[in-house]
Amino acid sequence: MKWQAVMFDLDGTLLDSIEDIGNSMNSVLQRFGLKGHDTETYKYFIGDGIETLVLRSIPEERRDDSSFFSKCLSSMRAEYGRRWKEKTHPYDGIPELLDILKLLKVKMTILSNKPDDTTQIAVAELLPNWTFDAVLGARPLTPKKPDPTGALEIAERLHVSPAEFLYLGDTGIDMKTANAAGMYAVGALWGFRKADELLAAGAKVLIKEPTELTRLF
């Protein structure tokens, strides 16, 4: 197969953002007199969008309190908006991978469950040296991953068959998205989740470092 395009997840795949996400959410929790969580815990809270992150972070007995949830969500949006790039950076090997794909003239795209406005800013500011043919984050009228709608929208925009996409992500959500869209699911082992989750969700192959992706070309 001659792959024509790559679809990347963002957090946990291209960008190591876990500290800024965790620190932002912990700041919100502390503001409401609640206990925060450690970094490893946040790796399993994220991936399904900011609303689910907030819901998982607050105590179970308060999750049905819609007013409290709304306050926490609003506070998290504001807090993360202030500090999203304090420590966030591309993973080691990502610049080299993107340089190689650029030389190979492979179309590069990004699909994230991070809010679309934040996704656009993060890509523009932290990955400024590369051109992405499409970048989509979570939008109100589009189902989040693992629904394949966003992935298929990108494929249609590029006029590339989904079967000609490699999809690189670090969570089971990403692997399910890839398979639902008819793309080739590649699991990133440097991200937020473990090999067993990726394989169980349908990863076709796992890679330990970013430049290993080029072996598939």
Protein backbone atom coordinates (compact mmCIF):
# COMPACT_ATOMS: atom_id res chain seq x y z
CA MET A 1 0.00 0.00 0.00
CA LYS A 2 1.29 3.44 -0.91
CA TRP A 3 -0.10 5.61 1.88
CA GLN A 4 -1.22 9.04 0.72
CA ALA A 5 -1.93 10.69 4.06
CA VAL A 6 -1.42 10.48 7.81
CA MET A 7 -4.00 11.45 10.40
CA PHE A 8 -2.59 12.32 13.81
CA ASP A 9 -4.20 12.57 17.18
CA LEU A 10 -2.83 15.63 19.02
CA ASP A 11 -2.52 15.20 22.81
CA GLY A 12 -0.45 12.17 23.69
CA THR A 13 0.62 11.65 20.07
CA LEU A 14 2.16 14.85 18.74
CA LEU A 15 2.15 16.94 21.92
CA ASP A 16 3.00 16.00 25.49
CA SER A 17 0.34 18.12 27.17
CA ILE A 18 -0.53 16.08 30.25
CA GLU A 19 1.11 18.35 32.83
CA ASP A 20 -0.68 21.49 31.68
CA ILE A 21 -4.01 19.65 31.52
CA GLY A 22 -3.55 18.10 34.96
CA ASN A 23 -2.26 21.28 36.57
CA SER A 24 -5.15 23.28 35.15
CA MET A 25 -7.77 20.83 36.36
CA ASN A 26 -6.14 20.52 39.79
CA SER A 27 -6.19 24.29 40.13
CA VAL A 28 -9.94 24.25 39.46
CA LEU A 29 -10.53 21.45 41.95
CA GLN A 30 -8.52 23.21 44.64
CA ARG A 31 -10.52 26.39 44.04
CA PHE A 32 -13.64 24.42 45.00
CA GLY A 33 -11.95 22.82 47.99
CA LEU A 34 -11.48 19.45 46.31
CA LYS A 35 -8.50 17.12 46.08
CA GLY A 36 -6.58 16.96 42.83
CA HIS A 37 -5.20 13.96 40.94
CA ASP A 38 -1.75 12.83 39.85
CA THR A 39 -0.45 12.87 36.28
CA GLU A 40 -0.95 9.14 35.70
CA THR A 41 -4.60 9.43 36.67
CA TYR A 42 -5.16 12.25 34.20
CA LYS A 43 -3.79 10.09 31.39
CA TYR A 44 -6.97 8.02 31.80
CA PHE A 45 -9.31 10.96 32.34
CA ILE A 46 -8.53 12.65 29.02
CA GLY A 47 -9.26 11.63 25.46
CA ASP A 48 -13.05 12.00 25.33
CA GLY A 49 -13.20 15.79 25.38
CA ILE A 50 -13.04 18.48 28.05
CA GLU A 51 -16.55 17.83 29.35
CA THR A 52 -15.73 14.20 30.14
CA LEU A 53 -12.39 15.19 31.65
CA VAL A 54 -14.11 17.53 34.08
CA LEU A 55 -16.81 14.97 34.90
CA ARG A 56 -14.22 12.28 35.66
CA SER A 57 -12.16 14.69 37.75
CA ILE A 58 -14.86 15.80 40.18
CA PRO A 59 -16.04 13.51 43.01
CA GLU A 60 -18.59 10.92 41.95
CA GLU A 61 -21.17 12.17 44.44
CA ARG A 62 -21.14 15.62 42.78
CA ARG A 63 -21.37 14.54 39.14
CA ASP A 64 -25.16 14.79 39.06
CA ASP A 65 -25.04 18.42 40.24
CA SER A 66 -25.39 20.19 36.88
CA SER A 67 -24.78 23.64 38.32
CA PHE A 68 -21.55 22.56 40.00
CA PHE A 69 -20.42 20.74 36.87
CA SER A 70 -21.05 23.83 34.75
CA LYS A 71 -19.00 25.99 37.12
CA CYS A 72 -16.13 23.49 37.03
CA LEU A 73 -16.28 23.23 33.24
CA SER A 74 -16.28 27.00 32.79
CA SER A 75 -13.39 27.35 35.25
CA MET A 76 -11.41 24.63 33.48
CA ARG A 77 -11.86 26.27 30.09
CA ALA A 78 -10.57 29.55 31.50
CA GLU A 79 -7.72 28.01 33.49
CA TYR A 80 -6.48 25.85 30.64
CA GLY A 81 -6.81 28.80 28.27
CA ARG A 82 -4.33 30.69 30.45
CA ARG A 83 -1.75 27.98 30.97
CA TRP A 84 -2.08 25.46 28.12
CA LYS A 85 1.48 25.92 26.88
CA GLU A 86 3.45 26.33 30.10
CA LYS A 87 4.95 22.86 29.73
CA THR A 88 3.32 21.40 26.61
CA HIS A 89 5.76 20.52 23.83
CA PRO A 90 6.17 18.11 20.91
CA TYR A 91 7.39 14.66 21.90
CA ASP A 92 10.98 13.74 21.09
CA GLY A 93 11.12 12.46 17.54
CA ILE A 94 7.98 14.25 16.34
CA PRO A 95 9.86 17.06 14.51
CA GLU A 96 12.00 14.45 12.76
CA LEU A 97 8.93 12.43 11.76
CA LEU A 98 7.13 15.46 10.38
CA ASP A 99 10.25 16.49 8.43
CA ILE A 100 10.47 13.06 6.81
CA LEU A 101 6.77 13.01 5.91
CA LYS A 102 7.16 16.46 4.40
CA LEU A 103 10.04 15.21 2.22
CA LEU A 104 7.92 12.23 1.17
CA LYS A 105 5.13 14.65 0.21
CA VAL A 106 2.67 12.82 2.43
CA LYS A 107 -0.45 14.80 3.34
CA MET A 108 -0.57 15.43 7.10
CA THR A 109 -3.75 16.03 9.10
CA ILE A 110 -4.80 16.28 12.74
CA LEU A 111 -8.03 15.16 14.44
CA SER A 112 -8.45 15.88 18.14
CA ASN A 113 -11.13 15.76 20.82
CA LYS A 114 -9.60 18.93 22.28
CA PRO A 115 -11.89 21.93 21.58
CA ASP A 116 -11.37 23.14 18.03
CA ASP A 117 -10.25 26.67 18.91
CA THR A 118 -7.63 25.36 21.32
CA THR A 119 -6.54 22.73 18.81
CA GLN A 120 -5.99 25.35 16.11
CA ILE A 121 -3.94 27.57 18.44
CA ALA A 122 -1.85 24.68 19.77
CA VAL A 123 -0.95 23.47 16.28
CA ALA A 124 -0.15 26.97 15.03
CA GLU A 125 2.05 27.86 18.00
CA LEU A 126 3.76 24.56 18.84
CA LEU A 127 4.03 22.99 15.37
CA PRO A 128 4.66 26.08 13.24
CA ASN A 129 7.24 24.57 10.90
CA TRP A 130 4.91 22.14 9.17
CA THR A 131 1.85 22.52 6.97
CA PHE A 132 -1.15 20.37 7.85
CA ASP A 133 -3.73 19.85 5.13
CA ALA A 134 -6.54 19.74 7.68
CA VAL A 135 -6.76 20.33 11.43
CA LEU A 136 -9.99 19.59 13.29
CA GLY A 137 -10.76 19.69 16.98
CA ALA A 138 -14.03 19.06 18.80
CA ARG A 139 -16.91 21.11 17.38
CA PRO A 140 -20.45 21.43 18.76
CA LEU A 141 -22.26 19.88 15.79
CA THR A 142 -19.79 17.05 15.05
CA PRO A 143 -19.65 13.86 17.14
CA LYS A 144 -16.37 13.36 18.97
CA LYS A 145 -14.05 10.42 18.38
CA PRO A 146 -14.47 7.43 18.31
CA ASP A 147 -17.27 8.44 15.95
CA PRO A 148 -15.60 8.50 12.51
CA THR A 149 -17.43 11.60 11.23
CA GLY A 150 -14.47 13.96 11.69
CA ALA A 151 -12.01 11.51 10.17
CA LEU A 152 -14.21 10.95 7.14
CA GLU A 153 -14.73 14.70 6.74
CA ILE A 154 -10.96 15.18 6.55
CA ALA A 155 -10.58 12.38 4.01
CA GLU A 156 -13.30 13.93 1.87
CA ARG A 157 -11.68 17.37 2.08
CA LEU A 158 -8.38 15.94 0.86
CA HIS A 159 -10.00 13.75 -1.82
CA VAL A 160 -8.08 10.80 -0.38
CA SER A 161 -9.69 7.43 0.27
CA PRO A 162 -9.82 6.50 3.99
CA ALA A 163 -8.06 3.25 3.05
CA GLU A 164 -5.03 5.34 2.04
CA PHE A 165 -4.69 6.94 5.48
CA LEU A 166 -2.39 5.87 8.29
CA TYR A 167 -3.98 6.92 11.57
CA LEU A 168 -1.54 7.46 14.46
CA GLY A 169 -2.92 7.80 17.98
CA ASP A 170 -2.18 6.84 21.56
CA THR A 171 -5.55 5.69 22.95
CA GLY A 172 -8.16 3.06 22.33
CA ILE A 173 -10.46 5.86 21.21
CA ASP A 174 -8.06 6.62 18.37
CA MET A 175 -7.81 3.00 17.30
CA LYS A 176 -11.60 2.67 17.27
CA THR A 177 -11.89 5.87 15.25
CA ALA A 178 -9.37 4.64 12.70
CA ASN A 179 -11.11 1.32 12.24
CA ALA A 180 -14.56 2.87 12.07
CA ALA A 181 -13.32 5.21 9.34
CA GLY A 182 -11.60 2.43 7.39
CA MET A 183 -8.10 3.75 8.11
CA TYR A 184 -4.96 1.83 9.16
CA ALA A 185 -4.69 2.09 12.95
CA VAL A 186 -1.19 2.65 14.36
CA GLY A 187 -0.71 2.83 18.13
CA ALA A 188 1.80 5.25 19.67
CA LEU A 189 3.43 3.73 22.75
CA TRP A 190 4.99 6.99 23.96
CA GLY A 191 1.58 8.50 24.73
CA PHE A 192 -0.99 8.24 27.49
CA ARG A 193 -2.13 4.61 27.26
CA LYS A 194 -0.64 1.10 27.22
CA ALA A 195 -0.17 -1.49 24.50
CA ASP A 196 -2.95 -3.78 25.73
CA GLU A 197 -5.57 -1.04 25.38
CA LEU A 198 -4.38 -0.14 21.89
CA LEU A 199 -4.38 -3.74 20.69
CA ALA A 200 -7.77 -4.50 22.23
CA ALA A 201 -9.21 -1.46 20.42
CA GLY A 202 -7.93 -2.61 17.03
CA ALA A 203 -4.38 -1.33 16.54
CA LYS A 204 -2.83 -2.99 13.49
CA VAL A 205 0.69 -2.19 14.60
CA LEU A 206 2.37 -0.50 17.58
CA ILE A 207 5.41 1.78 17.39
CA LYS A 208 7.74 2.78 20.22
CA GLU A 209 9.05 6.03 18.77
CA PRO A 210 7.71 8.45 16.17
CA THR A 211 10.14 7.86 13.30
CA GLU A 212 9.21 4.15 13.25
CA LEU A 213 6.08 5.26 11.39
CA THR A 214 8.18 5.86 8.29
CA ARG A 215 8.90 2.13 8.05
CA LEU A 216 5.32 1.71 6.87
CA PHE A 217 6.01 3.73 3.72
